[in-house]
Amino acid sequence: MQEKTMVADTLTQVNATLSNFGQMISQTANQQLRQCLIQMRNAGEASQYELYEIAKNHGYYEPAPEATSEEIKQIRSIFEVNHKML
């Protein structure tokens, strides 16, 4: 298996795991367990970023272009409206 494929597969798995941590955290009432899951998620996010950097530096991944300030304003307004609805 090529390194590019291994990095991509690992990133996919880490991203799925991070998503699962988010779901578990939001559904956990026990504060000790919640904090443990948050710590595990944070460590996973650090690992995910390291893998992302490896992929980017080796040319395995081309990040999307940076958002313009106008695009950021549009997205922020959408989230602010949705947050108020909660």
Protein backbone atom coordinates (compact mmCIF):
# COMPACT_ATOMS: atom_id res chain seq x y z
CA MET A 1 0.00 0.00 0.00
CA GLN A 2 1.30 3.45 -0.87
CA GLU A 3 2.01 6.03 1.80
CA LYS A 4 -0.51 8.44 0.26
CA THR A 5 -3.27 5.84 0.59
CA MET A 6 -2.30 5.01 4.16
CA VAL A 7 -2.34 8.67 5.20
CA ALA A 8 -5.71 9.25 3.50
CA ASP A 9 -7.24 6.15 5.10
CA THR A 10 -5.91 7.11 8.51
CA LEU A 11 -7.25 10.66 8.19
CA THR A 12 -10.65 9.29 7.21
CA GLN A 13 -10.70 7.00 10.26
CA VAL A 14 -9.53 9.73 12.64
CA ASN A 15 -12.18 12.12 11.32
CA ALA A 16 -14.91 9.49 11.86
CA THR A 17 -13.63 8.85 15.38
CA LEU A 18 -13.66 12.57 16.18
CA SER A 19 -17.24 12.77 14.98
CA ASN A 20 -18.16 9.86 17.24
CA PHE A 21 -16.48 11.54 20.21
CA GLY A 22 -18.62 14.63 19.61
CA GLN A 23 -21.76 12.54 19.68
CA MET A 24 -20.70 10.68 22.82
CA ILE A 25 -19.74 13.87 24.64
CA SER A 26 -23.07 15.53 23.94
CA GLN A 27 -24.94 12.47 25.25
CA THR A 28 -22.90 11.87 28.41
CA ALA A 29 -24.25 13.03 31.75
CA ASN A 30 -21.41 11.72 33.93
CA GLN A 31 -18.98 14.63 34.25
CA GLN A 32 -15.89 12.45 34.80
CA LEU A 33 -16.63 10.41 31.70
CA ARG A 34 -17.46 13.58 29.78
CA GLN A 35 -14.09 15.14 30.69
CA CYS A 36 -12.27 11.94 29.74
CA LEU A 37 -13.99 11.90 26.34
CA ILE A 38 -13.18 15.57 25.81
CA GLN A 39 -9.50 14.90 26.56
CA MET A 40 -9.50 11.94 24.17
CA ARG A 41 -11.17 14.06 21.48
CA ASN A 42 -8.64 16.85 21.98
CA ALA A 43 -5.75 14.38 21.61
CA GLY A 44 -7.41 12.98 18.49
CA GLU A 45 -7.75 16.47 17.03
CA ALA A 46 -4.04 17.09 17.62
CA SER A 47 -3.21 13.83 15.85
CA GLN A 48 -5.56 14.67 13.01
CA TYR A 49 -3.83 18.00 12.50
CA GLU A 50 -0.40 16.33 12.47
CA LEU A 51 -1.62 13.88 9.81
CA TYR A 52 -3.11 16.76 7.83
CA GLU A 53 0.24 18.56 7.91
CA ILE A 54 2.04 15.41 6.71
CA ALA A 55 -0.45 14.97 3.88
CA LYS A 56 -0.21 18.63 2.87
CA ASN A 57 3.60 18.73 3.04
CA HIS A 58 3.94 15.59 0.92
CA GLY A 59 1.48 16.89 -1.67
CA TYR A 60 -1.14 14.25 -0.79
CA TYR A 61 -3.73 16.86 0.08
CA GLU A 62 -4.53 20.21 -1.46
CA PRO A 63 -6.43 22.37 1.05
CA ALA A 64 -9.34 24.48 -0.12
CA PRO A 65 -8.52 28.12 -0.79
CA GLU A 66 -8.87 30.43 2.19
CA ALA A 67 -12.27 32.00 2.68
CA THR A 68 -12.67 35.67 1.93
CA SER A 69 -13.79 38.02 4.69
CA GLU A 70 -17.18 38.28 2.94
CA GLU A 71 -17.60 34.49 2.94
CA ILE A 72 -16.69 34.39 6.63
CA LYS A 73 -19.31 37.07 7.38
CA GLN A 74 -21.97 35.09 5.49
CA ILE A 75 -21.23 31.85 7.34
CA ARG A 76 -21.05 33.64 10.69
CA SER A 77 -24.47 35.21 10.11
CA ILE A 78 -25.97 31.81 9.25
CA PHE A 79 -24.62 30.29 12.45
CA GLU A 80 -25.74 33.26 14.53
CA VAL A 81 -29.29 32.95 13.18
CA ASN A 82 -29.33 29.19 13.80
CA HIS A 83 -27.91 29.65 17.30
CA LYS A 84 -30.66 32.12 18.19
CA MET A 85 -33.26 29.58 17.06
CA LEU A 86 -31.98 27.07 19.62
